[in-house]
Protein backbone atom coordinates (compact mmCIF):
# COMPACT_ATOMS: atom_id res chain seq x y z
CA MET A 1 0.00 0.05 0.13
CA THR A 2 1.30 3.36 -1.15
CA GLY A 3 1.71 6.36 1.57
CA SER A 4 -1.01 8.29 -0.38
CA ALA A 5 -3.18 5.00 -0.23
CA VAL A 6 -2.54 4.85 3.63
CA GLY A 7 -3.22 8.48 4.21
CA ALA A 8 -6.37 8.20 2.13
CA ALA A 9 -7.30 5.23 4.27
CA LEU A 10 -6.77 6.92 7.48
CA VAL A 11 -9.34 9.37 6.80
CA VAL A 12 -11.86 6.88 6.00
CA ALA A 13 -10.91 4.93 9.07
CA ALA A 14 -11.22 7.92 11.12
CA VAL A 15 -14.55 8.87 9.97
CA ALA A 16 -15.52 5.00 10.34
CA VAL A 17 -14.77 5.31 13.98
CA VAL A 18 -16.65 8.14 14.52
CA ALA A 19 -19.88 7.01 12.97
CA THR A 20 -19.97 3.68 14.70
CA THR A 21 -19.33 5.01 18.07
CA ALA A 22 -22.17 7.31 18.00
CA CYS A 23 -25.05 5.03 19.06
CA THR A 24 -25.62 1.53 20.93
CA ARG A 25 -24.37 1.22 24.49
CA THR A 26 -20.70 -0.02 24.89
CA LEU A 27 -19.71 -2.88 27.08
CA PRO A 28 -17.96 -1.20 29.95
CA ASP A 29 -14.41 -2.16 31.23
CA ALA A 30 -13.67 -3.25 34.76
CA GLU A 31 -12.29 -1.12 37.30
CA GLN A 32 -9.67 -3.88 38.19
CA VAL A 33 -8.72 -6.89 35.96
CA GLY A 34 -10.97 -9.79 37.15
CA ASP A 35 -14.14 -7.74 38.23
CA PRO A 36 -17.07 -8.57 37.37
CA LEU A 37 -19.35 -6.65 34.62
CA PRO A 38 -20.48 -3.39 36.16
CA GLY A 39 -24.37 -3.08 36.46
CA LEU A 40 -25.34 -6.61 37.64
CA SER A 41 -27.96 -7.41 40.12
CA ASP A 42 -27.33 -8.54 43.90
CA GLU A 43 -28.14 -12.08 42.82
CA GLU A 44 -25.91 -11.97 39.88
CA LEU A 45 -23.16 -10.94 41.55
CA ALA A 46 -23.68 -13.86 44.20
CA ARG A 47 -23.48 -16.09 41.45
CA PHE A 48 -20.51 -14.89 39.91
CA GLU A 49 -18.56 -15.06 43.25
CA ALA A 50 -19.83 -18.71 43.66
CA GLY A 51 -18.65 -19.42 40.23
CA ARG A 52 -15.40 -18.13 40.76
CA ALA A 53 -14.95 -19.97 44.02
CA LEU A 54 -15.51 -23.14 41.97
CA PHE A 55 -13.08 -21.76 39.17
CA ASP A 56 -10.48 -21.45 41.81
CA ARG A 57 -11.25 -24.73 43.76
CA VAL A 58 -8.89 -27.50 43.81
CA PHE A 59 -10.88 -30.60 43.14
CA SER A 60 -9.51 -34.04 44.55
CA VAL A 61 -9.71 -37.42 42.98
CA ASP A 62 -12.52 -38.41 45.16
CA GLU A 63 -14.41 -35.49 43.87
CA GLY A 64 -13.69 -36.18 40.18
CA THR A 65 -10.45 -35.17 38.81
CA GLY A 66 -8.73 -37.58 36.49
CA PRO A 67 -7.93 -40.34 36.15
CA LEU A 68 -6.30 -38.59 33.21
CA PHE A 69 -6.01 -34.78 33.44
CA ASN A 70 -4.12 -31.58 32.80
CA GLU A 71 -4.69 -29.52 36.08
CA ASN A 72 -7.16 -30.19 39.08
CA GLN A 73 -8.03 -26.42 39.21
CA CYS A 74 -9.48 -24.06 36.39
CA SER A 75 -7.44 -21.37 37.37
CA ALA A 76 -4.29 -23.29 37.48
CA CYS A 77 -4.30 -22.38 33.76
CA HIS A 78 -6.26 -19.26 33.71
CA THR A 79 -4.06 -17.23 35.87
CA PHE A 80 -2.57 -14.11 34.19
CA PRO A 81 -3.52 -11.28 34.83
CA ALA A 82 -5.83 -12.47 36.80
CA THR A 83 -8.34 -15.34 37.53
CA GLY A 84 -9.82 -15.97 34.08
CA GLY A 85 -6.79 -14.93 32.19
CA THR A 86 -4.15 -17.01 30.20
CA GLY A 87 -1.34 -18.87 31.32
CA GLU A 88 1.86 -20.70 29.73
CA GLN A 89 0.32 -24.19 29.66
CA LEU A 90 0.06 -25.71 26.35
CA VAL A 91 -2.80 -27.98 25.14
CA ILE A 92 -1.81 -30.86 22.75
CA LYS A 93 -4.12 -31.86 20.01
CA ALA A 94 -3.83 -34.46 17.43
CA THR A 95 -5.87 -34.75 13.98
CA ARG A 96 -5.53 -36.47 10.77
CA ARG A 97 -6.54 -35.67 7.45
CA LEU A 98 -8.59 -38.57 5.72
CA PRO A 99 -8.37 -39.41 2.07
CA ASP A 100 -11.69 -37.99 1.12
CA GLY A 101 -10.38 -34.53 2.79
CA THR A 102 -12.30 -34.54 5.58
CA CYS A 103 -10.97 -34.13 9.31
CA ASP A 104 -10.70 -36.79 11.50
CA ILE A 105 -10.30 -35.45 15.07
CA LEU A 106 -9.45 -38.41 16.47
CA ALA A 107 -11.75 -38.27 19.11
CA SER A 108 -11.37 -42.20 19.73
CA GLU A 109 -8.00 -41.99 20.42
CA GLY A 110 -8.14 -38.79 22.86
CA GLY A 111 -6.79 -36.49 20.17
CA GLU A 112 -9.17 -33.78 21.12
CA ASN A 113 -7.04 -33.08 24.07
CA LEU A 114 -3.99 -35.33 25.16
CA ARG A 115 -3.73 -35.28 28.84
CA ARG A 116 -0.51 -35.30 30.50
CA GLN A 117 -1.19 -36.23 34.43
CA ALA A 118 -2.58 -39.61 35.69
CA THR A 119 -3.97 -40.06 39.03
CA PRO A 120 -2.02 -42.56 41.47
CA ALA A 121 -4.32 -45.32 40.94
CA LEU A 122 -3.69 -45.24 37.31
CA ALA A 123 -0.11 -44.52 37.65
CA ARG A 124 0.21 -47.73 39.55
CA LEU A 125 -1.17 -49.64 36.58
CA GLY A 126 1.76 -48.12 34.39
CA ILE A 127 -0.49 -45.37 32.83
CA GLU A 128 0.85 -41.85 33.44
CA ARG A 129 -0.37 -39.90 30.51
CA ASP A 130 -1.91 -40.27 26.89
CA THR A 131 0.36 -41.21 24.43
CA LEU A 132 0.88 -39.59 20.86
CA PRO A 133 -1.22 -41.27 18.18
CA SER A 134 -0.03 -42.72 15.31
CA ALA A 135 2.79 -41.28 12.95
CA SER A 136 0.16 -40.42 10.36
CA ALA A 137 -1.31 -37.79 12.94
CA ASP A 138 -0.73 -34.05 12.77
CA ILE A 139 0.19 -32.93 16.60
CA ALA A 140 0.08 -29.45 17.70
CA THR A 141 0.12 -27.35 20.94
CA PHE A 142 -2.57 -24.55 21.77
CA ALA A 143 -2.20 -21.95 24.53
CA VAL A 144 -4.82 -21.42 27.17
CA PRO A 145 -7.48 -19.32 25.95
CA PHE A 146 -8.07 -15.79 27.46
CA LEU A 147 -11.39 -15.78 28.92
CA PHE A 148 -12.36 -12.34 29.20
CA GLY A 149 -15.21 -11.10 26.63
CA LEU A 150 -16.20 -14.56 25.86
CA GLY A 151 -19.67 -13.71 27.48
CA ALA A 152 -20.31 -11.29 24.65
CA ALA A 153 -18.89 -13.51 22.10
CA ASP A 154 -21.64 -16.11 23.37
CA LEU A 155 -24.37 -13.41 22.48
CA VAL A 156 -23.24 -12.57 19.07
CA PRO A 157 -26.41 -13.77 16.72
CA GLU A 158 -25.68 -16.64 14.44
CA GLN A 159 -26.84 -14.39 11.39
CA ALA A 160 -24.16 -11.77 12.31
CA LEU A 161 -21.83 -14.05 11.81
CA HIS A 162 -23.35 -15.18 8.58
CA ASP A 163 -23.54 -11.67 7.38
CA ALA A 164 -19.83 -11.06 8.24
CA ALA A 165 -18.30 -13.89 6.61
CA ASP A 166 -17.15 -13.91 2.79
CA PRO A 167 -16.13 -17.47 2.19
CA ASP A 168 -15.73 -16.77 -1.69
CA ASP A 169 -14.01 -13.35 -1.16
CA LEU A 170 -16.86 -11.65 -3.42
CA ASN A 171 -15.86 -8.17 -2.44
CA GLY A 172 -12.24 -8.89 -3.65
CA ASP A 173 -10.48 -7.59 -0.54
CA GLY A 174 -8.81 -10.88 -0.03
CA ILE A 175 -10.39 -11.81 3.22
CA SER A 176 -12.66 -14.83 2.99
CA GLY A 177 -13.77 -15.36 6.64
CA ARG A 178 -16.02 -18.71 7.22
CA VAL A 179 -18.12 -19.58 9.94
CA GLY A 180 -16.76 -22.26 11.99
CA ARG A 181 -18.77 -25.54 12.76
CA THR A 182 -18.96 -27.98 15.71
CA PRO A 183 -18.64 -31.83 14.81
CA ASP A 184 -22.03 -32.02 14.42
CA GLY A 185 -22.48 -29.38 11.89
CA ARG A 186 -23.34 -26.30 13.94
CA VAL A 187 -22.27 -22.85 13.97
CA GLY A 188 -19.10 -22.71 16.02
CA ARG A 189 -17.88 -19.41 17.87
CA PHE A 190 -15.27 -20.81 20.64
CA GLY A 191 -12.21 -22.71 20.39
CA ARG A 192 -9.21 -22.14 18.05
CA LYS A 193 -10.81 -23.75 15.32
CA ALA A 194 -14.35 -22.37 15.83
CA ASP A 195 -15.38 -25.89 16.86
CA VAL A 196 -17.56 -24.93 20.15
CA ALA A 197 -20.98 -23.72 19.73
CA SER A 198 -21.61 -21.99 23.01
CA LEU A 199 -20.06 -21.02 26.26
CA HIS A 200 -22.15 -23.79 28.25
CA GLU A 201 -20.52 -26.02 25.98
CA PHE A 202 -17.09 -24.81 26.17
CA THR A 203 -17.16 -24.86 30.08
CA HIS A 204 -18.31 -28.63 30.05
CA LEU A 205 -15.80 -29.63 27.52
CA ALA A 206 -13.03 -27.79 29.30
CA LEU A 207 -14.01 -29.60 32.51
CA PHE A 208 -14.12 -32.94 30.78
CA ASN A 209 -10.73 -32.43 28.76
CA GLU A 210 -8.60 -30.41 31.27
CA MET A 211 -9.69 -31.99 34.54
CA GLY A 212 -11.04 -35.47 33.67
CA ILE A 213 -14.36 -34.31 35.33
CA THR A 214 -17.54 -35.42 33.93
CA THR A 215 -21.02 -33.62 33.51
CA SER A 216 -24.38 -34.03 32.24
CA VAL A 217 -22.72 -33.14 28.74
CA HIS A 218 -19.75 -35.42 28.72
CA SER A 219 -21.05 -38.13 31.28
CA ARG A 220 -18.76 -41.08 30.43
CA GLU A 221 -14.90 -41.13 31.60
CA ARG A 222 -12.39 -41.47 28.94
CA GLY A 223 -9.73 -43.90 29.45
CA PRO A 224 -6.10 -43.56 28.34
CA ASN A 225 -5.86 -42.51 24.29
CA GLY A 226 -9.90 -43.10 24.26
CA ALA A 227 -9.47 -46.91 25.31
CA PRO A 228 -11.77 -48.20 27.98
CA LEU A 229 -10.80 -46.97 31.75
CA PRO A 230 -9.50 -49.60 33.65
CA ASP A 231 -11.75 -51.00 36.69
CA GLY A 232 -11.02 -49.65 40.37
CA VAL A 233 -9.15 -46.47 39.43
CA ASP A 234 -12.09 -43.92 39.25
CA PRO A 235 -13.74 -43.59 42.73
CA ALA A 236 -16.11 -40.74 41.90
CA PRO A 237 -19.63 -41.71 40.39
CA ASP A 238 -20.77 -39.97 37.10
CA PRO A 239 -21.54 -37.46 36.52
CA GLU A 240 -18.97 -35.82 39.07
CA LEU A 241 -20.02 -32.40 38.96
CA GLY A 242 -23.73 -31.33 38.80
CA ASP A 243 -25.36 -28.83 36.58
CA ASN A 244 -25.75 -26.28 39.01
CA SER A 245 -22.06 -26.03 39.67
CA ALA A 246 -21.15 -26.01 35.62
CA ASP A 247 -23.71 -23.23 35.19
CA LEU A 248 -22.01 -21.42 38.00
CA ILE A 249 -18.72 -21.47 36.35
CA THR A 250 -20.27 -20.77 33.05
CA ASP A 251 -21.83 -17.83 34.67
CA PHE A 252 -18.36 -16.61 36.53
CA VAL A 253 -16.89 -16.51 32.80
CA ARG A 254 -19.93 -15.02 31.25
CA MET A 255 -19.75 -12.18 33.96
CA LEU A 256 -16.12 -11.16 33.74
CA ALA A 257 -15.72 -7.75 32.74
CA PRO A 258 -13.35 -6.56 29.97
CA PRO A 259 -9.94 -5.65 31.40
CA PRO A 260 -9.55 -2.06 32.07
CA ARG A 261 -7.41 -0.39 29.26
CA PRO A 262 -4.27 1.48 30.54
CA THR A 263 -4.96 5.17 30.99
CA PRO A 264 -2.33 6.76 28.56
CA ASP A 265 -0.64 9.61 29.13
CA PRO A 266 -2.35 12.57 27.53
CA ASP A 267 0.61 13.70 25.25
CA ALA A 268 0.25 9.89 24.02
CA ALA A 269 -3.34 10.26 22.73
CA PRO A 270 -2.18 11.73 19.34
CA LEU A 271 0.04 8.60 18.79
CA LEU A 272 -2.65 6.26 20.17
CA ALA A 273 -5.32 7.57 17.62
CA HIS A 274 -2.61 7.37 14.74
CA GLY A 275 -2.15 3.62 15.77
CA GLU A 276 -5.60 2.97 15.91
CA ALA A 277 -6.19 4.34 12.41
CA LEU A 278 -3.50 2.56 11.05
CA PHE A 279 -4.85 -0.51 12.21
CA THR A 280 -7.92 -0.08 10.31
CA ALA A 281 -6.02 1.27 7.20
CA ILE A 282 -3.69 -1.67 6.50
CA GLY A 283 -6.57 -4.26 7.06
CA CYS A 284 -6.02 -5.54 10.54
CA ALA A 285 -9.55 -4.65 11.53
CA ALA A 286 -10.80 -6.76 8.58
CA CYS A 287 -10.59 -9.62 10.53
CA HIS A 288 -9.82 -8.38 14.31
CA THR A 289 -13.29 -6.12 14.13
CA PRO A 290 -12.97 -3.93 16.89
CA TYR A 291 -16.68 -4.59 17.95
CA VAL A 292 -19.55 -6.85 17.79
CA THR A 293 -22.87 -6.23 18.95
CA THR A 294 -24.46 -8.79 21.05
CA GLY A 295 -27.93 -9.99 20.85
CA PRO A 296 -30.51 -10.10 23.54
CA SER A 297 -29.26 -11.17 26.99
CA ARG A 298 -30.95 -11.61 30.56
CA LEU A 299 -27.74 -9.90 31.90
CA ALA A 300 -28.42 -6.26 31.40
CA PRO A 301 -24.82 -5.21 30.90
CA LEU A 302 -24.44 -7.57 28.15
CA ASP A 303 -27.99 -6.97 26.65
CA ARG A 304 -27.53 -5.62 23.19
CA VAL A 305 -24.26 -3.84 23.33
CA ARG A 306 -20.83 -3.19 21.54
CA ALA A 307 -18.18 -5.46 22.93
CA PRO A 308 -14.60 -4.40 21.85
CA LEU A 309 -13.52 -8.08 21.15
CA TYR A 310 -11.33 -7.08 18.25
CA SER A 311 -12.43 -10.36 16.54
CA ASP A 312 -15.27 -11.20 14.05
CA LEU A 313 -15.31 -14.70 15.46
CA LEU A 314 -14.71 -16.11 11.83
CA LEU A 315 -12.30 -18.67 10.36
CA HIS A 316 -9.31 -17.29 8.50
CA ASP A 317 -6.39 -18.84 6.44
CA LEU A 318 -3.47 -17.56 8.37
CA GLY A 319 -0.83 -19.27 5.74
CA PRO A 320 1.52 -22.39 5.89
CA ALA A 321 3.96 -20.97 8.59
CA LEU A 322 0.97 -21.23 11.37
CA ALA A 323 -0.40 -24.41 10.19
CA SER A 324 -1.27 -27.05 12.89
CA THR A 325 -3.93 -29.49 13.16
CA CYS A 326 -7.44 -29.35 11.37
CA GLY A 327 -10.90 -29.08 12.57
CA PRO A 328 -14.58 -30.02 11.99
CA GLY A 329 -14.79 -27.26 9.65
CA ALA A 330 -11.51 -25.77 9.50
CA THR A 331 -8.19 -26.40 7.60
CA GLU A 332 -4.74 -26.80 8.90
CA THR A 333 -3.97 -23.14 8.37
CA GLU A 334 -7.41 -21.64 9.49
CA TYR A 335 -8.10 -20.25 12.96
CA ARG A 336 -10.80 -18.38 14.42
CA THR A 337 -9.57 -14.91 14.70
CA THR A 338 -8.25 -14.48 18.31
CA SER A 339 -9.70 -11.54 20.37
CA LEU A 340 -7.25 -8.96 21.05
CA LEU A 341 -9.19 -7.70 24.00
CA GLY A 342 -6.62 -7.39 26.98
CA LEU A 343 -3.70 -7.97 24.47
CA GLY A 344 -1.53 -5.67 26.52
CA ALA A 345 -1.92 -8.03 29.42
CA ARG A 346 -0.87 -10.98 27.67
CA ARG A 347 2.47 -12.61 26.16
CA PRO A 348 3.98 -14.46 24.74
CA TYR A 349 1.49 -14.71 21.58
CA LEU A 350 -0.22 -16.60 18.82
CA HIS A 351 -1.98 -19.86 19.22
CA ASP A 352 1.32 -21.85 20.29
CA LEU A 353 3.20 -19.00 22.16
CA ARG A 354 5.84 -18.96 19.79
CA ALA A 355 6.13 -15.41 19.44
CA PHE A 356 7.66 -13.36 22.43
CA ASN A 357 6.71 -10.00 21.03
CA ILE A 358 3.81 -8.50 19.08
CA GLU A 359 6.24 -7.48 15.98
CA ARG A 360 7.01 -11.36 15.70
CA ALA A 361 3.44 -12.26 15.89
CA ILE A 362 2.48 -9.92 12.97
CA GLU A 363 5.55 -11.07 10.88
CA LEU A 364 4.12 -14.74 11.38
CA HIS A 365 0.86 -13.87 9.85
CA GLY A 366 0.21 -15.10 6.19
CA GLY A 367 -2.71 -16.10 3.84
CA GLU A 368 -5.37 -13.65 4.32
CA ALA A 369 -3.31 -11.49 6.51
CA GLN A 370 -0.24 -11.13 4.22
CA SER A 371 -1.46 -7.99 2.76
CA ALA A 372 -1.33 -6.43 6.21
CA ARG A 373 1.77 -7.96 7.37
CA ASP A 374 3.24 -6.68 4.41
CA ALA A 375 2.08 -3.21 4.86
CA PHE A 376 3.54 -3.40 8.49
CA ARG A 377 7.09 -4.36 7.06
CA VAL A 378 7.37 -1.27 5.03
CA MET A 379 5.85 1.16 7.82
CA THR A 380 8.05 4.10 8.78
CA THR A 381 9.39 3.78 12.12
CA VAL A 382 6.94 6.31 13.58
CA ASP A 383 4.05 4.52 12.03
CA ARG A 384 5.34 1.30 13.20
CA GLN A 385 5.60 2.40 16.81
CA ALA A 386 2.28 4.00 16.84
CA LEU A 387 0.53 0.62 15.60
CA LEU A 388 2.34 -1.20 18.45
CA ARG A 389 1.56 1.52 20.80
CA PHE A 390 -2.19 1.16 20.29
CA LEU A 391 -1.87 -2.64 20.21
CA ARG A 392 -0.10 -2.76 23.70
CA SER A 393 -3.04 -0.31 24.72
CA LEU A 394 -5.87 -3.03 24.34
């Protein structure tokens, strides 16, 4: 993109920002990171706190942890910058591309999540973890998702996702976002491959995959690599966690407020504004959509508001450098656009934490993001620092 083209695009971007912020309530930030949404009722706040207590609880083997698991506490992974955030643990997944082109998520071999720990009863039988499937499988690691903002993501209407998608790039802008799909074909909006439909399912799946805790949604324990579980190693009756407790954990995540954005030095305001305009001008906002609008919600703070997710929740091809596993509706190089909400409080970056700074994360983008990456590469030092300063302010 030439300098004159960037300049023209900056003017358009500035006008667009003004136009889109003139109406509709905006989801407010928290006063402190980890706080609940402002405006909740006393009853809702009580559910938030009860859910947080369960999220922080260390579950014993007798309460359902294992026999195979990764951690025995939700907040053991979702730690930074506060409970509900991210961490440096990596989830291991395995898939296989079948001859007919479809993706086998290797559920029968535990490929959805290869667990790294075993309870003492299972370890005494010589089973200490899931093992890697056959050599024909693709193996990849994935970082712990940042949970702030997922309550809003859960409420974006399906029709809005379809309207935003452009799988055949009919507008010719090089961006061809696609709606993700669950294994049974429903619209997905959670997970790196957009293969989980709702926050409710996301919570139940995490309890099952990460902690080995069965619920009404995943009620049968999974043995090593999907094999039957040996007798006598699981003392807790299934389901191990009741729906009320699982719902409280879901509501805790749903009610987490967006992290507060740092208050900039007044002298830095023009630089941040310039960086924000560049973000749109070079095409970053085509996928990292600054705001999504929620549908109706029983929670007043989430009811039909503009939420600053910086994600369109669609699948985009990011090129071969970032290839990993496939998904039910995603290729090896496609990922659901990562929300940049709270980006300034996260590091390292990308789905597998391979980038230790934002510049490297941008440099590894290809595919549909290649034009934005190339524009970043040729920026002046001043423009580059303005864009990075804006990203760190999110």
